[in-house]
Protein backbone atom coordinates (compact mmCIF):
# COMPACT_ATOMS: atom_id res chain seq x y z
CA MET A 1 67.40 -9.53 159.16
CA PRO A 2 64.05 -9.25 158.76
CA LEU A 3 63.42 -8.86 154.62
CA ILE A 4 59.49 -7.57 154.14
CA ARG A 5 58.80 -7.70 150.07
CA VAL A 6 55.41 -5.96 149.04
CA ASP A 7 53.73 -7.05 145.88
CA MET A 8 51.09 -4.29 145.22
CA LEU A 9 49.65 -2.62 141.81
CA GLU A 10 51.20 0.20 140.48
CA GLY A 11 49.52 3.89 141.42
CA ARG A 12 50.25 4.85 145.07
CA THR A 13 51.83 8.03 145.81
CA PRO A 14 55.75 8.20 147.18
CA GLU A 15 54.24 9.43 150.55
CA GLN A 16 52.26 6.40 150.69
CA LYS A 17 55.14 4.19 150.04
CA ARG A 18 57.22 6.08 152.49
CA GLU A 19 54.51 5.72 155.03
CA LEU A 20 54.36 2.01 154.35
CA ILE A 21 57.75 1.78 154.67
CA ARG A 22 58.38 3.23 158.11
CA GLU A 23 55.49 1.71 159.63
CA LEU A 24 56.29 -2.02 158.16
CA THR A 25 59.68 -1.21 159.72
CA GLU A 26 58.34 -0.02 163.14
CA THR A 27 56.17 -2.70 163.14
CA THR A 28 58.76 -5.30 162.71
CA SER A 29 61.37 -3.85 165.00
CA ARG A 30 59.27 -3.89 167.86
CA VAL A 31 57.02 -7.30 167.30
CA LEU A 32 60.84 -9.28 166.56
CA ASN A 33 62.69 -6.87 169.14
CA THR A 34 65.41 -6.36 166.45
CA PRO A 35 66.94 -2.61 165.65
CA ARG A 36 65.37 -1.16 162.98
CA GLU A 37 68.72 -0.72 160.89
CA ARG A 38 68.11 -4.41 160.34
CA VAL A 39 64.81 -3.87 158.90
CA ARG A 40 64.88 -4.37 155.02
CA VAL A 41 61.50 -3.54 152.80
CA VAL A 42 61.02 -3.89 149.24
CA ILE A 43 58.17 -2.47 147.32
CA HIS A 44 57.37 -4.66 143.83
CA GLU A 45 54.68 -2.55 141.94
CA VAL A 46 52.99 -4.34 139.71
CA PRO A 47 51.19 -2.61 136.28
CA LYS A 48 47.92 -3.30 136.31
CA THR A 49 48.00 -4.48 132.98
CA HIS A 50 50.14 -7.83 134.71
CA TRP A 51 47.98 -8.36 137.41
CA GLY A 52 44.70 -10.31 137.10
CA ILE A 53 41.62 -11.11 139.07
CA GLY A 54 39.06 -13.46 138.40
CA GLY A 55 40.66 -14.14 135.19
CA THR A 56 40.86 -10.20 134.04
CA PRO A 57 43.73 -7.58 134.24
CA VAL A 58 42.63 -5.16 136.64
CA SER A 59 43.35 -2.44 133.70
CA GLU A 60 40.28 -3.71 132.38
CA ILE A 61 38.43 -3.94 135.77
CA PRO A 62 35.58 -1.01 135.89
CA GLY A 63 36.60 1.02 138.62
CA ARG A 64 39.92 -0.23 139.52
């Protein structure tokens, strides 16, 4: 049973997350030749205050 974990910053719409889950499931099923029902996708959304780039929280980076 393939398990795909996605860590990403918060802020995507439910529709975007739904599409991501669908696309990851379809691609994994095709590439690994496994039934879609066996593929699991888990999305972990991280607050911008808890994600750092270059030593700075994303919440403090202009334009992010």
